[in-house]
Amino acid sequence: MNKNYNIIEVTKDNKDEYLSSIAQLEELVLKNMEQNGKVGQLFITGKDGIEEYIDTDSNHVLIAVTGENSKRQVISATYITQGQIDFTYNDITKYFKYGNEYLEYIKSKYSENEFKKVIRKVYIEKICAFKYARNAVLQELGIKENSDVSEQEKNEILLKLIDQEYNNPQNQFHEKSEIRDNLNKYMSLYMKVVKKDLKAYQEFYWIDFNYLKKYFNKEKLQGFTNESNLDSTIKAYDKILQYQKYKIYDRTHCQNMSQYFGANTENTVELDTYITRPDSRENGIARILVLEGIKKSINRILKNKDNKEIFLVSTLHEENLSSKYVSEFFGLKDYLFLNRRSGRDRQVHILGMKREEFPKYIAMMEKKIAVLYDYNPSKILITEEERRKIIQEQIGYEVQELQRLKGIKDIGKMKKYKGYIEGKQTKIQNLQELMERRSYIQSRIVDLKGGLYGK
């Protein structure tokens, strides 16, 4: 391996040396993308956000650096994140647990009587969690806890604020609304710490009072409204829940949704960001950084023996071809196309595997990157036949990529892609080089079988 860069994990100990450079790299990449018509395809994390990632144990920031001492330059960076909170903006797994199909799947795990008991119990817990979250949000907004303010008045104050956001075309109570995110954050915290029932909260997040009416008569439901003014709290919570409905435009690229129903914030790693300097690209550097980040992040999942599955997720703009290329390279080929926040549609990619399959997956990716990008720090032995298969697979993908570049259109609008499509000639050249490598390896395999290299 002959690389002219070093791969470094940025930690609390060395962040002062690299933090500003990473933030500058974000700005440089964003400017270059916008100059090429790729507006809205990258939203920078910013210096404060990057530092927050670095300072938390559940996230990893890796960089590639060239040069020495004062001439050091950060040429690539990746953020692999894992510290998400259920149903907040950064919880990507929530999209795969949305809709009647998921609820029917959960229902099938219980007998009819058990199901009635659990949805009643969970809904009561959710109302308690909502009251806790509502009070916390109001307090953060400067509306302090006051015994003179009734439950109904608290609900009315919160609903007024949310209605203003929902009816504002520039906000619409979208996923990154601070109030919405905080409500979900505090509800999740309450369910996890106080009720110790986070799994049920995840499974039955979308049930509301109308859903319970299908299973209980009026007498059975009286227990919900015995407490003074609880009726207004139920109505407020259910209204807010309706405001949070997701817009999923296209599920056709994720036919078997049920294989991702087990994804949650405890067993999932997000390939959050991977960027490279546009003026000094190193072949495969983003993929190398992502692989190293995955290997570091996954250890946290494996420590919890209850995590029987592992999931990788990523989100990207519909037209962000380079990010799509990286995600699919790592096997994240199933995806939903949806609205993540007001006016910002995204593809949400996912890959799932059994816990015991992960070592095989990593070994495969290490060999793939070693063959394609000459990065093999562990000196893994790779047979000529394995090399041939990896190159053959990549040739097939590169052919698909060229075909995709020819017919890019906006989903639903059928408009021509507006961004500048770069690298088409480079891809053709890469394809030719891969074919030459395949021919060379094929000839070596023939010679080996003939005994020329048998000694």
Protein backbone atom coordinates (compact mmCIF):
# COMPACT_ATOMS: atom_id res chain seq x y z
CA MET A 1 0.00 0.00 0.00
CA ASN A 2 1.49 3.29 -1.07
CA LYS A 3 -0.72 6.10 0.17
CA ASN A 4 0.28 9.72 0.67
CA TYR A 5 -2.16 10.35 3.53
CA ASN A 6 -2.73 9.24 7.13
CA ILE A 7 -6.07 8.19 8.61
CA ILE A 8 -6.74 9.71 12.03
CA GLU A 9 -9.66 9.54 14.45
CA VAL A 10 -10.41 12.95 15.89
CA THR A 11 -10.89 12.75 19.66
CA LYS A 12 -11.12 15.09 22.63
CA ASP A 13 -7.32 14.95 22.84
CA ASN A 14 -6.52 16.11 19.30
CA LYS A 15 -9.65 18.02 18.25
CA ASP A 16 -8.04 21.46 18.65
CA GLU A 17 -5.59 20.51 15.92
CA TYR A 18 -8.19 19.47 13.34
CA LEU A 19 -11.61 20.90 14.19
CA SER A 20 -11.30 24.15 12.22
CA SER A 21 -9.86 22.33 9.20
CA ILE A 22 -12.80 19.90 9.09
CA ALA A 23 -15.29 22.77 9.25
CA GLN A 24 -13.41 24.53 6.43
CA LEU A 25 -13.50 21.32 4.38
CA GLU A 26 -17.31 21.26 4.77
CA GLU A 27 -17.53 24.84 3.49
CA LEU A 28 -15.24 24.06 0.55
CA VAL A 29 -17.24 20.99 -0.49
CA LEU A 30 -20.55 22.85 -0.11
CA LYS A 31 -19.34 25.76 -2.24
CA ASN A 32 -18.08 23.41 -4.96
CA MET A 33 -21.37 21.50 -5.04
CA GLU A 34 -23.45 24.67 -5.28
CA GLN A 35 -21.23 26.01 -8.09
CA ASN A 36 -22.04 22.80 -9.98
CA GLY A 37 -25.78 23.23 -9.51
CA LYS A 38 -26.07 20.75 -6.64
CA VAL A 39 -28.03 23.01 -4.32
CA GLY A 40 -29.54 21.39 -1.24
CA GLN A 41 -27.55 18.17 -1.57
CA LEU A 42 -25.31 18.85 1.44
CA PHE A 43 -26.13 20.49 4.77
CA ILE A 44 -22.99 21.17 6.73
CA THR A 45 -22.72 20.12 10.37
CA GLY A 46 -20.63 23.13 11.38
CA LYS A 47 -17.80 23.46 13.86
CA ASP A 48 -20.02 23.22 16.96
CA GLY A 49 -21.87 20.18 15.61
CA ILE A 50 -18.65 18.39 14.66
CA GLU A 51 -17.23 19.05 18.13
CA GLU A 52 -20.38 17.61 19.68
CA TYR A 53 -19.83 14.43 17.68
CA ILE A 54 -16.21 14.26 18.80
CA ASP A 55 -17.07 14.77 22.47
CA THR A 56 -19.63 11.94 22.61
CA ASP A 57 -18.65 8.28 22.97
CA SER A 58 -21.38 7.11 20.60
CA ASN A 59 -20.09 8.95 17.51
CA HIS A 60 -16.85 8.83 15.52
CA VAL A 61 -15.13 11.45 13.35
CA LEU A 62 -12.36 10.18 11.07
CA ILE A 63 -10.21 12.21 8.70
CA ALA A 64 -7.53 11.69 6.05
CA VAL A 65 -4.58 14.08 6.34
CA THR A 66 -1.74 14.84 3.93
CA GLY A 67 1.53 16.65 4.59
CA GLU A 68 3.49 17.21 7.77
CA ASN A 69 3.42 19.76 10.62
CA SER A 70 2.25 23.20 9.45
CA LYS A 71 1.58 21.90 5.93
CA ARG A 72 -0.96 19.35 7.09
CA GLN A 73 -4.21 19.37 5.14
CA VAL A 74 -7.48 17.54 5.83
CA ILE A 75 -8.53 16.07 2.48
CA SER A 76 -11.45 13.92 3.60
CA ALA A 77 -13.72 13.41 6.61
CA THR A 78 -16.50 11.12 7.72
CA TYR A 79 -18.90 11.17 10.68
CA ILE A 80 -20.33 7.85 11.81
CA THR A 81 -23.10 8.51 14.32
CA GLN A 82 -24.93 6.30 16.77
CA GLY A 83 -26.19 8.53 19.57
CA GLN A 84 -29.74 8.96 18.32
CA ILE A 85 -32.86 9.30 20.46
CA ASP A 86 -36.07 7.54 19.45
CA PHE A 87 -38.35 9.37 17.00
CA THR A 88 -36.26 12.54 17.00
CA TYR A 89 -34.94 14.03 13.77
CA ASN A 90 -31.77 11.93 13.72
CA ASP A 91 -33.55 8.61 14.35
CA ILE A 92 -33.50 7.22 10.81
CA THR A 93 -34.98 3.87 11.85
CA LYS A 94 -38.40 5.39 12.55
CA TYR A 95 -39.32 5.51 8.86
CA PHE A 96 -39.15 1.74 8.55
CA LYS A 97 -41.56 1.31 11.48
CA TYR A 98 -44.28 3.56 10.12
CA GLY A 99 -47.63 2.49 8.73
CA ASN A 100 -50.25 -0.20 9.12
CA GLU A 101 -47.92 -2.98 7.95
CA TYR A 102 -45.65 -2.46 10.96
CA LEU A 103 -48.52 -2.19 13.43
CA GLU A 104 -50.07 -5.39 12.08
CA TYR A 105 -46.69 -7.09 12.44
CA ILE A 106 -46.50 -6.05 16.11
CA LYS A 107 -50.10 -7.08 16.70
CA SER A 108 -49.37 -10.57 15.33
CA LYS A 109 -46.90 -11.12 18.20
CA TYR A 110 -49.71 -11.06 20.80
CA SER A 111 -52.92 -12.91 21.50
CA GLU A 112 -56.05 -10.75 21.23
CA ASN A 113 -56.39 -10.29 25.00
CA GLU A 114 -52.66 -9.60 25.44
CA PHE A 115 -52.77 -7.02 22.65
CA LYS A 116 -55.63 -5.14 24.30
CA LYS A 117 -53.79 -5.07 27.61
CA VAL A 118 -50.53 -3.86 26.16
CA ILE A 119 -51.95 -1.06 23.97
CA ARG A 120 -54.00 0.26 26.90
CA LYS A 121 -50.96 0.14 29.19
CA VAL A 122 -48.62 1.74 26.67
CA TYR A 123 -51.07 4.49 25.76
CA ILE A 124 -51.46 5.49 29.42
CA GLU A 125 -47.67 5.51 29.74
CA LYS A 126 -47.40 7.68 26.62
CA ILE A 127 -49.85 10.22 28.04
CA CYS A 128 -47.76 10.39 31.22
CA ALA A 129 -44.63 10.81 29.09
CA PHE A 130 -46.33 13.54 27.04
CA LYS A 131 -47.24 15.49 30.18
CA TYR A 132 -43.63 15.29 31.34
CA ALA A 133 -42.33 16.36 27.93
CA ARG A 134 -44.89 19.16 27.60
CA ASN A 135 -43.90 20.64 30.96
CA ALA A 136 -40.19 20.39 30.09
CA VAL A 137 -40.71 22.11 26.73
CA LEU A 138 -42.81 24.89 28.25
CA GLN A 139 -40.19 25.43 30.94
CA GLU A 140 -37.46 25.72 28.30
CA LEU A 141 -39.59 28.34 26.56
CA GLY A 142 -39.68 30.35 29.79
CA ILE A 143 -43.13 29.19 30.88
CA LYS A 144 -42.28 27.97 34.38
CA GLU A 145 -44.19 25.33 36.29
CA ASN A 146 -47.02 27.05 38.13
CA SER A 147 -49.70 25.39 40.25
CA ASP A 148 -52.17 28.06 39.17
CA VAL A 149 -51.92 26.96 35.52
CA SER A 150 -54.32 24.09 34.80
CA GLU A 151 -53.59 21.06 32.61
CA GLN A 152 -55.95 22.42 30.00
CA GLU A 153 -54.20 25.80 29.94
CA LYS A 154 -50.81 24.13 29.54
CA ASN A 155 -52.14 22.11 26.63
CA GLU A 156 -53.64 25.20 25.03
CA ILE A 157 -50.35 27.13 25.33
CA LEU A 158 -48.39 24.29 23.72
CA LEU A 159 -50.94 23.68 20.97
CA LYS A 160 -50.99 27.38 20.09
CA LEU A 161 -47.21 27.34 19.60
CA ILE A 162 -47.37 24.16 17.53
CA ASP A 163 -50.32 25.38 15.44
CA GLN A 164 -48.31 28.49 14.58
CA GLU A 165 -45.44 26.31 13.37
CA TYR A 166 -47.71 23.88 11.53
CA ASN A 167 -49.49 26.67 9.64
CA ASN A 168 -46.25 28.46 8.78
CA PRO A 169 -45.26 27.43 5.20
CA GLN A 170 -41.59 27.86 6.14
CA ASN A 171 -41.87 25.47 9.09
CA GLN A 172 -44.98 23.23 9.05
CA PHE A 173 -43.85 21.67 12.35
CA HIS A 174 -41.23 19.78 10.33
CA GLU A 175 -38.89 17.17 11.78
CA LYS A 176 -36.21 19.61 12.80
CA SER A 177 -38.66 21.82 14.66
CA GLU A 178 -37.08 22.40 18.06
CA ILE A 179 -40.41 21.92 19.84
CA ARG A 180 -41.16 18.69 17.98
CA ASP A 181 -37.68 17.28 18.53
CA ASN A 182 -37.71 18.16 22.23
CA LEU A 183 -41.15 16.65 22.80
CA ASN A 184 -39.96 13.36 21.33
CA LYS A 185 -36.65 13.55 23.19
CA TYR A 186 -38.29 14.03 26.59
CA MET A 187 -41.00 11.44 25.94
CA SER A 188 -38.37 8.89 24.99
CA LEU A 189 -36.33 9.77 28.09
CA TYR A 190 -39.37 9.35 30.34
CA MET A 191 -40.30 5.98 28.83
CA LYS A 192 -36.74 4.72 29.12
CA VAL A 193 -35.86 5.97 32.61
CA VAL A 194 -39.18 6.22 34.47
CA LYS A 195 -41.34 3.54 32.86
CA LYS A 196 -38.45 1.34 31.68
CA ASP A 197 -40.61 0.38 28.73
CA LEU A 198 -38.80 1.84 25.73
CA LYS A 199 -39.39 -1.20 23.50
CA ALA A 200 -43.17 -0.92 23.83
CA TYR A 201 -42.92 2.82 23.24
CA GLN A 202 -41.03 2.17 19.99
CA GLU A 203 -43.50 -0.47 18.85
CA PHE A 204 -46.67 1.46 19.64
CA TYR A 205 -45.53 5.01 19.00
CA TRP A 206 -48.32 5.73 16.51
CA ILE A 207 -51.32 4.43 18.45
CA ASP A 208 -53.78 7.16 19.47
CA PHE A 209 -57.09 7.30 21.32
CA ASN A 210 -59.06 6.61 18.14
CA TYR A 211 -57.05 3.42 17.68
CA LEU A 212 -58.01 2.27 21.18
CA LYS A 213 -61.69 2.91 20.45
CA LYS A 214 -61.58 0.03 17.96
CA TYR A 215 -60.76 -2.40 20.78
CA PHE A 216 -62.54 -1.02 23.87
CA ASN A 217 -66.10 0.05 24.63
CA LYS A 218 -66.92 3.35 26.36
CA GLU A 219 -66.98 1.85 29.83
CA LYS A 220 -63.51 0.38 29.43
CA LEU A 221 -62.20 3.75 28.26
CA GLN A 222 -63.50 5.70 31.24
CA GLY A 223 -60.29 4.96 33.10
CA PHE A 224 -58.46 7.27 30.75
CA THR A 225 -60.55 10.31 31.68
CA ASN A 226 -61.03 9.84 35.42
CA GLU A 227 -58.20 12.24 36.15
CA SER A 228 -59.21 15.91 36.05
CA ASN A 229 -58.61 17.56 32.65
CA LEU A 230 -56.95 14.45 31.21
CA ASP A 231 -59.38 14.60 28.33
CA SER A 232 -57.74 17.81 27.05
CA THR A 233 -54.28 16.19 27.37
CA ILE A 234 -55.37 13.20 25.29
CA LYS A 235 -56.79 15.49 22.60
CA ALA A 236 -53.65 17.64 22.58
CA TYR A 237 -51.33 14.64 22.32
CA ASP A 238 -53.35 12.99 19.55
CA LYS A 239 -53.46 16.21 17.56
CA ILE A 240 -49.68 16.62 17.83
CA LEU A 241 -49.24 12.97 16.84
CA GLN A 242 -51.29 13.63 13.68
CA TYR A 243 -49.11 16.65 12.88
CA GLN A 244 -46.06 14.35 12.88
CA LYS A 245 -47.22 11.98 10.15
CA TYR A 246 -44.49 11.16 7.62
CA LYS A 247 -44.66 11.73 3.88
CA ILE A 248 -43.24 8.64 2.18
CA TYR A 249 -43.43 9.01 -1.59
CA ASP A 250 -41.85 5.78 -2.80
CA ARG A 251 -41.41 2.36 -1.16
CA THR A 252 -40.71 0.41 -4.35
CA HIS A 253 -36.96 0.21 -3.63
CA CYS A 254 -37.66 -1.46 -0.29
CA GLN A 255 -40.00 -4.32 -1.11
CA ASN A 256 -39.55 -6.39 2.06
CA MET A 257 -40.01 -3.82 4.81
CA SER A 258 -40.43 -6.43 7.54
CA GLN A 259 -36.70 -7.28 7.51
CA TYR A 260 -36.04 -3.79 8.92
CA PHE A 261 -38.75 -3.73 11.60
CA GLY A 262 -36.16 -4.64 14.23
CA ALA A 263 -34.04 -1.52 13.61
CA ASN A 264 -33.85 0.91 16.53
CA THR A 265 -31.51 3.47 18.03
CA GLU A 266 -29.65 0.82 20.03
CA ASN A 267 -28.64 -1.45 17.15
CA THR A 268 -28.14 0.99 14.27
CA VAL A 269 -25.18 2.98 12.95
CA GLU A 270 -25.66 5.94 10.61
CA LEU A 271 -23.18 6.76 7.87
CA ASP A 272 -23.84 10.41 8.52
CA THR A 273 -21.37 12.37 6.37
CA TYR A 274 -18.49 11.56 4.02
CA ILE A 275 -16.80 14.39 2.16
CA THR A 276 -13.57 14.80 0.17
CA ARG A 277 -11.72 17.86 -1.11
CA PRO A 278 -12.82 18.42 -4.72
CA ASP A 279 -9.36 19.61 -5.78
CA SER A 280 -7.33 16.68 -4.42
CA ARG A 281 -9.43 13.54 -4.57
CA GLU A 282 -7.84 10.26 -3.54
CA ASN A 283 -9.37 7.17 -5.12
CA GLY A 284 -11.67 5.44 -2.62
CA ILE A 285 -10.73 7.61 0.36
CA ALA A 286 -14.35 8.22 1.46
CA ARG A 287 -15.08 4.49 1.42
CA ILE A 288 -11.91 3.75 3.41
CA LEU A 289 -12.87 6.26 6.11
CA VAL A 290 -16.44 4.94 6.26
CA LEU A 291 -15.21 1.36 6.69
CA GLU A 292 -12.90 2.33 9.54
CA GLY A 293 -15.75 4.30 11.14
CA ILE A 294 -18.15 1.37 10.90
CA LYS A 295 -15.64 -0.95 12.55
CA LYS A 296 -15.22 1.47 15.47
CA SER A 297 -18.93 2.19 15.92
CA ILE A 298 -20.16 -1.36 15.74
CA ASN A 299 -18.30 -2.39 18.90
CA ARG A 300 -20.83 -0.47 20.97
CA ILE A 301 -23.68 -2.52 19.49
CA LEU A 302 -21.88 -5.82 19.99
CA LYS A 303 -21.35 -5.12 23.69
CA ASN A 304 -25.11 -5.39 24.19
CA LYS A 305 -25.94 -9.10 23.95
CA ASP A 306 -29.62 -8.24 23.39
CA ASN A 307 -28.77 -6.79 19.97
CA LYS A 308 -29.38 -9.81 17.75
CA GLU A 309 -29.34 -7.68 14.59
CA ILE A 310 -27.16 -4.87 13.26
CA PHE A 311 -28.33 -2.14 10.86
CA LEU A 312 -26.51 0.48 8.80
CA VAL A 313 -28.41 3.54 7.55
CA SER A 314 -27.72 6.69 5.54
CA THR A 315 -29.72 9.57 4.11
CA LEU A 316 -29.00 11.48 0.93
CA HIS A 317 -30.49 13.87 -1.56
CA GLU A 318 -32.19 12.17 -4.52
CA GLU A 319 -29.64 13.67 -6.90
CA ASN A 320 -26.51 13.23 -4.76
CA LEU A 321 -24.97 10.54 -6.93
CA SER A 322 -21.60 10.34 -5.18
CA SER A 323 -23.22 9.72 -1.78
CA LYS A 324 -25.55 7.16 -3.32
CA TYR A 325 -22.49 5.44 -4.78
CA VAL A 326 -20.83 5.19 -1.36
CA SER A 327 -24.00 3.93 0.39
CA GLU A 328 -24.62 1.27 -2.22
CA PHE A 329 -20.95 0.27 -2.14
CA PHE A 330 -21.50 -0.77 1.48
CA GLY A 331 -24.64 -2.69 0.62
CA LEU A 332 -27.25 -0.09 1.60
CA LYS A 333 -29.29 -0.61 -1.57
CA ASP A 334 -32.80 -0.74 -0.09
CA TYR A 335 -34.30 2.69 0.47
CA LEU A 336 -37.39 4.83 0.94
CA PHE A 337 -37.90 8.19 -0.74
CA LEU A 338 -39.54 10.63 1.65
CA ASN A 339 -39.86 14.12 3.08
CA ARG A 340 -37.52 14.61 6.03
CA ARG A 341 -38.30 18.21 6.76
CA SER A 342 -40.11 21.05 5.04
CA GLY A 343 -39.17 21.00 1.36
CA ARG A 344 -36.18 18.67 1.82
CA ASP A 345 -36.80 15.24 0.37
CA ARG A 346 -34.38 12.40 0.97
CA GLN A 347 -33.57 8.83 0.16
CA VAL A 348 -33.18 6.83 3.37
CA HIS A 349 -30.94 3.79 2.77
CA ILE A 350 -30.64 0.74 5.01
CA LEU A 351 -28.83 -2.58 5.36
CA GLY A 352 -29.58 -5.20 8.01
CA MET A 353 -27.76 -8.35 9.09
CA LYS A 354 -27.73 -10.88 11.91
CA ARG A 355 -25.21 -10.26 14.66
CA GLU A 356 -23.20 -13.33 13.71
CA GLU A 357 -23.04 -12.20 10.07
CA PHE A 358 -21.18 -9.00 10.86
CA PRO A 359 -17.60 -10.42 10.94
CA LYS A 360 -18.16 -11.94 7.50
CA TYR A 361 -19.52 -8.61 6.22
CA ILE A 362 -16.48 -6.70 7.50
CA ALA A 363 -14.06 -9.28 6.05
CA MET A 364 -15.80 -8.95 2.70
CA MET A 365 -15.64 -5.13 2.75
CA GLU A 366 -11.97 -5.16 3.79
CA LYS A 367 -11.12 -7.40 0.85
CA LYS A 368 -13.22 -5.30 -1.51
CA ILE A 369 -11.47 -2.08 -0.49
CA ALA A 370 -8.06 -3.77 -0.55
CA VAL A 371 -8.57 -4.93 -4.14
CA LEU A 372 -10.22 -1.80 -5.52
CA TYR A 373 -8.38 0.92 -3.60
CA ASP A 374 -5.10 -0.70 -2.48
CA TYR A 375 -5.88 -0.20 1.22
CA ASN A 376 -4.89 -3.27 3.22
CA PRO A 377 -3.26 -2.28 6.53
CA SER A 378 -3.96 -5.71 8.07
CA LYS A 379 -2.22 -7.49 5.19
CA ILE A 380 -5.24 -9.69 4.50
CA LEU A 381 -4.53 -12.57 2.14
CA ILE A 382 -6.73 -12.44 -0.96
CA THR A 383 -6.77 -15.17 -3.58
CA GLU A 384 -6.68 -14.39 -7.29
CA GLU A 385 -10.19 -15.83 -7.66
CA GLU A 386 -11.47 -13.49 -4.93
CA ARG A 387 -9.84 -10.56 -6.71
CA ARG A 388 -11.46 -11.55 -9.98
CA LYS A 389 -14.92 -11.78 -8.38
CA ILE A 390 -14.57 -8.40 -6.67
CA ILE A 391 -13.48 -6.71 -9.89
CA GLN A 392 -16.23 -8.43 -11.86
CA GLU A 393 -18.83 -7.22 -9.37
CA GLN A 394 -17.47 -3.67 -9.57
CA ILE A 395 -17.54 -3.76 -13.38
CA GLY A 396 -21.23 -4.65 -13.23
CA TYR A 397 -21.91 -1.79 -10.86
CA GLU A 398 -19.94 0.74 -12.93
CA VAL A 399 -21.96 -0.25 -16.03
CA GLN A 400 -25.16 0.39 -14.06
CA GLU A 401 -23.79 3.74 -12.93
CA LEU A 402 -23.11 4.84 -16.51
CA GLN A 403 -26.64 3.86 -17.48
CA ARG A 404 -28.00 5.78 -14.49
CA LEU A 405 -26.07 8.90 -15.48
CA LYS A 406 -27.71 8.81 -18.91
CA GLY A 407 -31.26 8.79 -17.59
CA ILE A 408 -31.36 10.76 -14.37
CA LYS A 409 -34.75 12.34 -13.72
CA ASP A 410 -36.47 13.89 -10.72
CA ILE A 411 -38.88 11.49 -9.01
CA GLY A 412 -42.47 12.28 -9.98
CA LYS A 413 -41.63 15.46 -11.91
CA MET A 414 -39.88 13.86 -14.88
CA LYS A 415 -37.61 16.88 -15.20
CA LYS A 416 -34.02 16.62 -16.36
CA TYR A 417 -31.42 16.54 -13.61
CA LYS A 418 -30.33 20.12 -12.93
CA GLY A 419 -26.94 19.52 -11.34
CA TYR A 420 -23.76 19.25 -13.33
CA ILE A 421 -23.01 15.55 -13.91
CA GLU A 422 -19.30 15.24 -13.40
CA GLY A 423 -17.04 12.27 -13.80
CA LYS A 424 -18.76 10.48 -16.67
CA GLN A 425 -15.53 10.23 -18.66
CA THR A 426 -13.68 9.26 -15.49
CA LYS A 427 -16.12 6.41 -14.91
CA ILE A 428 -15.59 5.19 -18.47
CA GLN A 429 -11.84 5.25 -17.86
CA ASN A 430 -12.28 3.43 -14.52
CA LEU A 431 -14.38 0.81 -16.26
CA GLN A 432 -11.68 0.25 -18.86
CA GLU A 433 -9.02 -0.09 -16.17
CA LEU A 434 -11.16 -2.59 -14.26
CA MET A 435 -11.61 -4.65 -17.41
CA GLU A 436 -7.86 -4.66 -17.99
CA ARG A 437 -7.28 -5.78 -14.41
CA ARG A 438 -9.86 -8.52 -14.81
CA SER A 439 -8.13 -9.80 -17.97
CA TYR A 440 -4.74 -9.77 -16.24
CA ILE A 441 -6.03 -11.64 -13.18
CA GLN A 442 -7.87 -14.10 -15.39
CA SER A 443 -4.64 -14.88 -17.21
CA ARG A 444 -2.87 -15.40 -13.86
CA ILE A 445 -5.59 -17.81 -12.75
CA VAL A 446 -5.14 -19.79 -15.98
CA ASP A 447 -1.37 -19.84 -15.48
CA LEU A 448 -1.72 -20.91 -11.88
CA LYS A 449 -3.92 -23.79 -12.87
CA GLY A 450 -1.33 -24.71 -15.47
CA GLY A 451 1.39 -24.79 -12.83
CA LEU A 452 3.47 -21.81 -14.00
CA TYR A 453 3.10 -20.17 -10.60
CA GLY A 454 2.64 -23.40 -8.68
CA LYS A 455 6.01 -23.14 -6.94
